[in-house]
Amino acid sequence: MSEPFDPYRIWLGIPADQQPPSHYQLLGVVEFESDPDVLENAADRQMAHVRTFQSGKHSEESQRILNEITQAKICLLKPDKRAAYEAKLKAQKPVTAQETGERAIPVSASPTAHPAMNPMTPMTPTAGTAIPVGSAQQQAIPVSPVRPAEHAIKVTVDNPTAHLPGVARPNAKSVTRRARRRRGNAGIPWVLIMGVMIGVGSVIAIGMFILKATGTDGE
């Protein structure tokens, strides 16, 4: 058995679940289109397409759809009629969650089953990892004993060893004698030098005298 002829689906591409079609579907435009030029051109295009089937075996369906397209064109091209039609069309549409701003929350069909617990069975505590706890006593830190402050010993410039502990202090008399000896010994080298020079001068003078005497005798 062949399916009945569906002119809306075959000629205009409107599926069966969207029938009867709206004025916008008959014209082949988006829903709530308001541009008059778009609506008029779409209506003329659809009517020219449906007229091609008037001479065939589906002439009656062709004429009926042409009348519906004409009524849709007249309604949508008049602003007041289009506004009333849009309000009626919106009222017929089911309210969805997106329009109301509500979001559906999925609920599980069966609640989560919790395993039954035997009241007679004692619960064994789970052995946890032992956490070492530091002793309250702090480790003693060795501290070196504080040494008494050492006193600086004042040393004079004249005699550096005068106040040093453990250093023998020289006798003043012995120091004076040594100084005198040094001063006395300091003049001895000069005396020796002068004596040598005098001796050498004497030898030279004697030699010159002998030479002169020898020369006189020879003459």
C-alpha atoms as a PDB file:
ATOM      1  CA  MET A   1       0.000   0.000   0.000  1.00  0.00           C
ATOM      2  CA  SER A   2       1.504   3.305  -1.123  1.00  0.00           C
ATOM      3  CA  GLU A   3       1.774   6.259   1.246  1.00  0.00           C
ATOM      4  CA  PRO A   4      -0.641   9.172   0.740  1.00  0.00           C
ATOM      5  CA  PHE A   5       0.698  12.107  -1.205  1.00  0.00           C
ATOM      6  CA  ASP A   6       2.079  14.880   1.067  1.00  0.00           C
ATOM      7  CA  PRO A   7       2.458  18.131  -0.920  1.00  0.00           C
ATOM      8  CA  TYR A   8       3.916  20.052   2.054  1.00  0.00           C
ATOM      9  CA  ARG A   9       6.823  17.631   2.378  1.00  0.00           C
ATOM     10  CA  ILE A  10       7.344  16.912  -1.340  1.00  0.00           C
ATOM     11  CA  TRP A  11       6.903  20.420  -2.735  1.00  0.00           C
ATOM     12  CA  LEU A  12       7.911  22.678   0.197  1.00  0.00           C
ATOM     13  CA  GLY A  13      10.173  20.359   2.251  1.00  0.00           C
ATOM     14  CA  ILE A  14       8.052  20.597   5.423  1.00  0.00           C
ATOM     15  CA  PRO A  15       8.159  17.322   7.423  1.00  0.00           C
ATOM     16  CA  ALA A  16       4.994  15.678   8.711  1.00  0.00           C
ATOM     17  CA  ASP A  17       5.748  16.381  12.369  1.00  0.00           C
ATOM     18  CA  GLN A  18       5.738  20.148  11.642  1.00  0.00           C
ATOM     19  CA  GLN A  19       2.343  20.200   9.928  1.00  0.00           C
ATOM     20  CA  PRO A  20       0.132  22.128   9.662  1.00  0.00           C
ATOM     21  CA  PRO A  21       2.867  24.599   8.729  1.00  0.00           C
ATOM     22  CA  SER A  22       3.082  28.184   9.924  1.00  0.00           C
ATOM     23  CA  HIS A  23       2.979  31.208   7.645  1.00  0.00           C
ATOM     24  CA  TYR A  24       6.775  31.465   7.833  1.00  0.00           C
ATOM     25  CA  GLN A  25       7.191  27.824   6.817  1.00  0.00           C
ATOM     26  CA  LEU A  26       4.835  28.270   3.850  1.00  0.00           C
ATOM     27  CA  LEU A  27       6.967  31.180   2.634  1.00  0.00           C
ATOM     28  CA  GLY A  28      10.233  29.343   3.384  1.00  0.00           C
ATOM     29  CA  VAL A  29      11.704  32.048   5.659  1.00  0.00           C
ATOM     30  CA  VAL A  30      13.010  32.025   9.204  1.00  0.00           C
ATOM     31  CA  GLU A  31      10.506  32.301  12.009  1.00  0.00           C
ATOM     32  CA  PHE A  32       9.426  35.835  12.957  1.00  0.00           C
ATOM     33  CA  GLU A  33      10.971  37.401   9.831  1.00  0.00           C
ATOM     34  CA  SER A  34       9.787  41.034   9.632  1.00  0.00           C
ATOM     35  CA  ASP A  35      11.456  42.458   6.515  1.00  0.00           C
ATOM     36  CA  PRO A  36       8.664  43.148   3.954  1.00  0.00           C
ATOM     37  CA  ASP A  37      10.954  42.677   0.957  1.00  0.00           C
ATOM     38  CA  VAL A  38      12.124  39.295   2.201  1.00  0.00           C
ATOM     39  CA  LEU A  39       8.540  38.169   2.901  1.00  0.00           C
ATOM     40  CA  GLU A  40       7.161  39.317  -0.455  1.00  0.00           C
ATOM     41  CA  ASN A  41       9.973  37.807  -2.525  1.00  0.00           C
ATOM     42  CA  ALA A  42       9.715  34.535  -0.635  1.00  0.00           C
ATOM     43  CA  ALA A  43       5.947  34.360  -1.203  1.00  0.00           C
ATOM     44  CA  ASP A  44       6.304  35.001  -4.944  1.00  0.00           C
ATOM     45  CA  ARG A  45       8.993  32.326  -5.232  1.00  0.00           C
ATOM     46  CA  GLN A  46       6.900  29.719  -3.421  1.00  0.00           C
ATOM     47  CA  MET A  47       3.763  30.502  -5.458  1.00  0.00           C
ATOM     48  CA  ALA A  48       5.653  30.251  -8.755  1.00  0.00           C
ATOM     49  CA  HIS A  49       7.003  26.875  -7.685  1.00  0.00           C
ATOM     50  CA  VAL A  50       3.606  25.459  -6.642  1.00  0.00           C
ATOM     51  CA  ARG A  51       1.881  26.682  -9.840  1.00  0.00           C
ATOM     52  CA  THR A  52       3.994  24.291 -11.869  1.00  0.00           C
ATOM     53  CA  PHE A  53       1.890  21.420 -10.444  1.00  0.00           C
ATOM     54  CA  GLN A  54      -1.555  22.851 -11.389  1.00  0.00           C
ATOM     55  CA  SER A  55      -1.767  20.935 -14.663  1.00  0.00           C
ATOM     56  CA  GLY A  56      -0.941  17.558 -13.117  1.00  0.00           C
ATOM     57  CA  LYS A  57      -2.896  15.003 -11.145  1.00  0.00           C
ATOM     58  CA  HIS A  58      -2.374  17.016  -7.957  1.00  0.00           C
ATOM     59  CA  SER A  59      -3.954  20.209  -9.242  1.00  0.00           C
ATOM     60  CA  GLU A  60      -6.350  20.435  -6.292  1.00  0.00           C
ATOM     61  CA  GLU A  61      -3.506  20.246  -3.751  1.00  0.00           C
ATOM     62  CA  SER A  62      -1.612  22.834  -5.785  1.00  0.00           C
ATOM     63  CA  GLN A  63      -4.519  25.298  -5.694  1.00  0.00           C
ATOM     64  CA  ARG A  64      -5.095  24.766  -1.966  1.00  0.00           C
ATOM     65  CA  ILE A  65      -1.459  25.448  -1.107  1.00  0.00           C
ATOM     66  CA  LEU A  66      -1.437  28.522  -3.365  1.00  0.00           C
ATOM     67  CA  ASN A  67      -4.361  29.938  -1.384  1.00  0.00           C
ATOM     68  CA  GLU A  68      -2.555  29.266   1.910  1.00  0.00           C
ATOM     69  CA  ILE A  69       0.604  30.990   0.666  1.00  0.00           C
ATOM     70  CA  THR A  70      -1.463  34.010  -0.425  1.00  0.00           C
ATOM     71  CA  GLN A  71      -3.120  34.292   2.999  1.00  0.00           C
ATOM     72  CA  ALA A  72       0.253  33.987   4.731  1.00  0.00           C
ATOM     73  CA  LYS A  73       1.703  36.725   2.535  1.00  0.00           C
ATOM     74  CA  ILE A  74      -1.156  39.120   3.272  1.00  0.00           C
ATOM     75  CA  CYS A  75      -0.965  38.453   7.018  1.00  0.00           C
ATOM     76  CA  LEU A  76       2.780  38.898   7.354  1.00  0.00           C
ATOM     77  CA  LEU A  77       3.012  42.024   5.195  1.00  0.00           C
ATOM     78  CA  LYS A  78       0.616  43.928   7.496  1.00  0.00           C
ATOM     79  CA  PRO A  79       2.362  44.871  10.759  1.00  0.00           C
ATOM     80  CA  ASP A  80      -0.740  44.699  12.970  1.00  0.00           C
ATOM     81  CA  LYS A  81      -1.817  41.310  11.662  1.00  0.00           C
ATOM     82  CA  ARG A  82       1.757  40.004  11.844  1.00  0.00           C
ATOM     83  CA  ALA A  83       2.047  41.108  15.494  1.00  0.00           C
ATOM     84  CA  ALA A  84      -1.206  39.358  16.407  1.00  0.00           C
ATOM     85  CA  TYR A  85      -0.156  36.221  14.554  1.00  0.00           C
ATOM     86  CA  GLU A  86       3.254  36.153  16.248  1.00  0.00           C
ATOM     87  CA  ALA A  87       1.617  36.492  19.680  1.00  0.00           C
ATOM     88  CA  LYS A  88      -0.743  33.609  18.865  1.00  0.00           C
ATOM     89  CA  LEU A  89       2.174  31.532  17.554  1.00  0.00           C
ATOM     90  CA  LYS A  90       4.260  32.131  20.693  1.00  0.00           C
ATOM     91  CA  ALA A  91       1.328  31.186  22.920  1.00  0.00           C
ATOM     92  CA  GLN A  92       0.933  27.872  21.099  1.00  0.00           C
ATOM     93  CA  LYS A  93       4.588  26.949  21.574  1.00  0.00           C
ATOM     94  CA  PRO A  94       5.350  24.871  24.696  1.00  0.00           C
ATOM     95  CA  VAL A  95       7.303  26.575  27.445  1.00  0.00           C
ATOM     96  CA  THR A  96      10.801  25.125  27.574  1.00  0.00           C
ATOM     97  CA  ALA A  97      13.392  25.242  30.308  1.00  0.00           C
ATOM     98  CA  GLN A  98      15.569  27.623  28.284  1.00  0.00           C
ATOM     99  CA  GLU A  99      12.779  30.220  27.957  1.00  0.00           C
ATOM    100  CA  THR A 100      11.960  30.212  31.677  1.00  0.00           C
ATOM    101  CA  GLY A 101      15.631  30.272  32.649  1.00  0.00           C
ATOM    102  CA  GLU A 102      15.269  27.085  34.685  1.00  0.00           C
ATOM    103  CA  ARG A 103      17.696  24.247  34.350  1.00  0.00           C
ATOM    104  CA  ALA A 104      16.669  20.657  34.713  1.00  0.00           C
ATOM    105  CA  ILE A 105      18.500  18.804  37.459  1.00  0.00           C
ATOM    106  CA  PRO A 106      18.890  15.092  36.729  1.00  0.00           C
ATOM    107  CA  VAL A 107      17.718  12.874  39.579  1.00  0.00           C
ATOM    108  CA  SER A 108      18.879   9.337  39.924  1.00  0.00           C
ATOM    109  CA  ALA A 109      16.109   6.754  39.658  1.00  0.00           C
ATOM    110  CA  SER A 110      17.379   4.712  42.541  1.00  0.00           C
ATOM    111  CA  PRO A 111      19.099   6.114  45.622  1.00  0.00           C
ATOM    112  CA  THR A 112      22.633   5.112  46.283  1.00  0.00           C
ATOM    113  CA  ALA A 113      22.578   1.891  48.210  1.00  0.00           C
ATOM    114  CA  HIS A 114      24.740   1.837  51.273  1.00  0.00           C
ATOM    115  CA  PRO A 115      26.035  -1.520  52.486  1.00  0.00           C
ATOM    116  CA  ALA A 116      24.214  -2.788  55.548  1.00  0.00           C
ATOM    117  CA  MET A 117      26.246  -2.819  58.709  1.00  0.00           C
ATOM    118  CA  ASN A 118      25.949  -5.686  61.181  1.00  0.00           C
ATOM    119  CA  PRO A 119      25.414  -4.126  64.626  1.00  0.00           C
ATOM    120  CA  MET A 120      26.930  -7.200  66.303  1.00  0.00           C
ATOM    121  CA  THR A 121      30.189  -7.000  64.392  1.00  0.00           C
ATOM    122  CA  PRO A 122      32.709  -4.789  66.155  1.00  0.00           C
ATOM    123  CA  MET A 123      34.475  -2.336  63.991  1.00  0.00           C
ATOM    124  CA  THR A 124      38.208  -2.812  63.866  1.00  0.00           C
ATOM    125  CA  PRO A 125      39.999   0.489  63.885  1.00  0.00           C
ATOM    126  CA  THR A 126      42.253   0.997  60.968  1.00  0.00           C
ATOM    127  CA  ALA A 127      45.862   1.180  61.937  1.00  0.00           C
ATOM    128  CA  GLY A 128      47.078   4.552  60.913  1.00  0.00           C
ATOM    129  CA  THR A 129      50.590   5.573  60.234  1.00  0.00           C
ATOM    130  CA  ALA A 130      52.368   6.519  63.412  1.00  0.00           C
ATOM    131  CA  ILE A 131      53.503  10.097  63.427  1.00  0.00           C
ATOM    132  CA  PRO A 132      56.700  10.639  65.440  1.00  0.00           C
ATOM    133  CA  VAL A 133      56.336  13.330  68.029  1.00  0.00           C
ATOM    134  CA  GLY A 134      59.392  15.238  69.102  1.00  0.00           C
ATOM    135  CA  SER A 135      60.297  15.179  72.799  1.00  0.00           C
ATOM    136  CA  ALA A 136      59.371  18.161  74.864  1.00  0.00           C
ATOM    137  CA  GLN A 137      62.863  18.517  76.184  1.00  0.00           C
ATOM    138  CA  GLN A 138      65.215  20.395  73.990  1.00  0.00           C
ATOM    139  CA  GLN A 139      68.735  19.174  73.449  1.00  0.00           C
ATOM    140  CA  ALA A 140      71.335  20.965  75.503  1.00  0.00           C
ATOM    141  CA  ILE A 141      73.674  23.043  73.443  1.00  0.00           C
ATOM    142  CA  PRO A 142      77.244  23.021  74.791  1.00  0.00           C
ATOM    143  CA  VAL A 143      78.405  26.482  75.682  1.00  0.00           C
ATOM    144  CA  SER A 144      82.055  27.250  76.179  1.00  0.00           C
ATOM    145  CA  PRO A 145      82.863  28.888  79.538  1.00  0.00           C
ATOM    146  CA  VAL A 146      83.307  32.576  79.472  1.00  0.00           C
ATOM    147  CA  ARG A 147      86.891  33.510  80.013  1.00  0.00           C
ATOM    148  CA  PRO A 148      87.671  36.493  82.187  1.00  0.00           C
ATOM    149  CA  ALA A 149      88.649  39.533  80.305  1.00  0.00           C
ATOM    150  CA  GLU A 150      92.383  39.921  80.004  1.00  0.00           C
ATOM    151  CA  HIS A 151      93.743  43.258  81.118  1.00  0.00           C
ATOM    152  CA  ALA A 152      96.016  45.089  78.765  1.00  0.00           C
ATOM    153  CA  ILE A 153      99.434  45.882  80.181  1.00  0.00           C
ATOM    154  CA  LYS A 154     100.528  49.416  79.602  1.00  0.00           C
ATOM    155  CA  VAL A 155     104.014  49.627  78.087  1.00  0.00           C
ATOM    156  CA  THR A 156     105.932  52.869  77.982  1.00  0.00           C
ATOM    157  CA  VAL A 157     108.032  53.891  75.033  1.00  0.00           C
ATOM    158  CA  ASP A 158     111.153  54.689  77.045  1.00  0.00           C
ATOM    159  CA  ASN A 159     111.537  51.234  78.520  1.00  0.00           C
ATOM    160  CA  PRO A 160     109.302  48.658  76.778  1.00  0.00           C
ATOM    161  CA  THR A 161     110.383  45.865  79.085  1.00  0.00           C
ATOM    162  CA  ALA A 162     109.913  47.807  82.285  1.00  0.00           C
ATOM    163  CA  HIS A 163     106.403  46.529  83.104  1.00  0.00           C
ATOM    164  CA  LEU A 164     106.377  43.208  81.299  1.00  0.00           C
ATOM    165  CA  PRO A 165     105.993  40.284  83.688  1.00  0.00           C
ATOM    166  CA  GLY A 166     108.814  37.722  83.744  1.00  0.00           C
ATOM    167  CA  VAL A 167     111.363  40.069  82.198  1.00  0.00           C
ATOM    168  CA  ALA A 168     114.448  40.939  84.250  1.00  0.00           C
ATOM    169  CA  ARG A 169     114.859  44.616  84.812  1.00  0.00           C
ATOM    170  CA  PRO A 170     118.453  45.729  84.109  1.00  0.00           C
ATOM    171  CA  ASN A 171     120.469  47.549  86.737  1.00  0.00           C
ATOM    172  CA  ALA A 172     120.795  51.268  86.140  1.00  0.00           C
ATOM    173  CA  LYS A 173     124.482  51.303  87.100  1.00  0.00           C
ATOM    174  CA  SER A 174     125.408  48.511  84.728  1.00  0.00           C
ATOM    175  CA  VAL A 175     123.596  50.275  81.936  1.00  0.00           C
ATOM    176  CA  THR A 176     125.546  53.469  82.616  1.00  0.00           C
ATOM    177  CA  ARG A 177     128.878  51.623  82.619  1.00  0.00           C
ATOM    178  CA  ARG A 178     128.114  49.931  79.340  1.00  0.00           C
ATOM    179  CA  ALA A 179     127.177  53.222  77.763  1.00  0.00           C
ATOM    180  CA  ARG A 180     130.421  54.802  78.896  1.00  0.00           C
ATOM    181  CA  ARG A 181     132.434  51.891  77.562  1.00  0.00           C
ATOM    182  CA  ARG A 182     130.746  52.197  74.231  1.00  0.00           C
ATOM    183  CA  ARG A 183     131.442  55.904  74.077  1.00  0.00           C
ATOM    184  CA  GLY A 184     135.090  55.303  75.058  1.00  0.00           C
ATOM    185  CA  ASN A 185     135.568  52.571  72.531  1.00  0.00           C
ATOM    186  CA  ALA A 186     134.059  54.734  69.823  1.00  0.00           C
ATOM    187  CA  GLY A 187     137.206  57.005  69.742  1.00  0.00           C
ATOM    188  CA  ILE A 188     139.802  54.182  69.530  1.00  0.00           C
ATOM    189  CA  PRO A 189     139.471  53.509  65.790  1.00  0.00           C
ATOM    190  CA  TRP A 190     140.130  57.141  64.968  1.00  0.00           C
ATOM    191  CA  VAL A 191     143.287  57.201  67.093  1.00  0.00           C
ATOM    192  CA  LEU A 192     144.597  54.128  65.336  1.00  0.00           C
ATOM    193  CA  ILE A 193     143.921  55.660  61.947  1.00  0.00           C
ATOM    194  CA  MET A 194     145.704  58.870  62.862  1.00  0.00           C
ATOM    195  CA  GLY A 195     148.721  56.899  64.189  1.00  0.00           C
ATOM    196  CA  VAL A 196     148.960  54.891  60.996  1.00  0.00           C
ATOM    197  CA  MET A 197     148.791  58.026  58.873  1.00  0.00           C
ATOM    198  CA  ILE A 198     151.538  59.705  60.930  1.00  0.00           C
ATOM    199  CA  GLY A 199     153.751  56.613  60.691  1.00  0.00           C
ATOM    200  CA  VAL A 200     153.303  56.399  56.940  1.00  0.00           C
ATOM    201  CA  GLY A 201     154.102  60.108  56.593  1.00  0.00           C
ATOM    202  CA  SER A 202     157.254  59.675  58.628  1.00  0.00           C
ATOM    203  CA  VAL A 203     158.467  56.771  56.506  1.00  0.00           C
ATOM    204  CA  ILE A 204     157.872  58.774  53.343  1.00  0.00           C
ATOM    205  CA  ALA A 205     159.726  61.779  54.734  1.00  0.00           C
ATOM    206  CA  ILE A 206     162.703  59.623  55.749  1.00  0.00           C
ATOM    207  CA  GLY A 207     162.797  58.016  52.343  1.00  0.00           C
ATOM    208  CA  MET A 208     162.804  61.387  50.604  1.00  0.00           C
ATOM    209  CA  PHE A 209     165.597  62.579  52.845  1.00  0.00           C
ATOM    210  CA  ILE A 210     167.724  59.526  52.044  1.00  0.00           C
ATOM    211  CA  LEU A 211     167.173  59.995  48.349  1.00  0.00           C
ATOM    212  CA  LYS A 212     168.268  63.613  48.487  1.00  0.00           C
ATOM    213  CA  ALA A 213     171.358  62.759  50.511  1.00  0.00           C
ATOM    214  CA  THR A 214     172.377  60.047  48.085  1.00  0.00           C
ATOM    215  CA  GLY A 215     172.020  62.390  45.164  1.00  0.00           C
ATOM    216  CA  THR A 216     174.234  65.043  46.751  1.00  0.00           C
ATOM    217  CA  ASP A 217     177.078  62.649  47.429  1.00  0.00           C
ATOM    218  CA  GLY A 218     177.146  61.444  43.875  1.00  0.00           C
ATOM    219  CA  GLU A 219     177.670  64.872  42.504  1.00  0.00           C
END
